[in-house]
């Protein structure tokens, strides 16, 4: 079975989507439609902007969504997913891919999500760090101990693949966790160049704002199940999808568990739709026997 997977922040690069725009009439039309919906020419930033500009959350998220969904739609009849999943904001790309959301509604939600998360980052400053080659339980317990004893928030945020777990929280909390986790045997504890504490309780203001927008948006019954970040389980119920999508803002991305469950449910070919090849690498680290490719 074919599983289509959609990337999140970190996969962007200058020039992303330019080849699609120049070589596919339908893609060009969709990009221009997106510029109108957003109220500014995001394509100018995607195609000609500098890396720093592309890293801003309110630009990164719609840019990755656009690249991913336009690529999926440009595949035409060959795009026939048996299941979908997306990493963080990629979940909205996946929901556009399986027909749960229209292109327009999904883009509007991505834009609201990005702006609300940007505001939450400014309201509750924080950061993230990748912890390599340490038992997940040790990381989870250490984060819980720091949060309880110091009052500084730090949690497990992204279960990316075996041996790579990203933590998120206040700058002081993450810094303290990095020290303790290195002492506990982590091979490395790398601070990430991100603008805030994504997928942590510090994103609560964004979750509240995003929930209002989700409630007002039409979610249809999908053409195939989406495996959602919060619980790594397949879902086809529009109301359940909404709940999980909102909860994702302050909850961990269980990507390792998602890929494992998709494989259990019959996925043999993973196709990453969007910029970069980050997810293909993570899939191969979860299970090197399955195929993971670009379209």
Foldseek 3Di string as FASTA:
>chain_A
DEEEEAEAPPQADAQQPVCVLVPPPQLVVLQVVLCVLVVHNLVCCRRPNHPVVCQQLLNVLLSFLSQQLSQLVSVPPVNDHQEYEYFQSRRLSRLCSQVQAPPSLSSVLSNLLSVLQSVLCVVQPKFKKKFFDDDPVVLQVLQVVLCVPPVWHKHFAEPLAVGITMMFTHHVSLVVSQVVSVVVPTPHIGTDPHSHGWQACSSVSSLVSSLVSLVVGGTDFGNHWYQYQQPLDTDRDSVVSSVRSSNRRNHHGHNLSNLVVVVVVPHQEYEYGGGDQSSLVSSCRSPVNGHYYHD
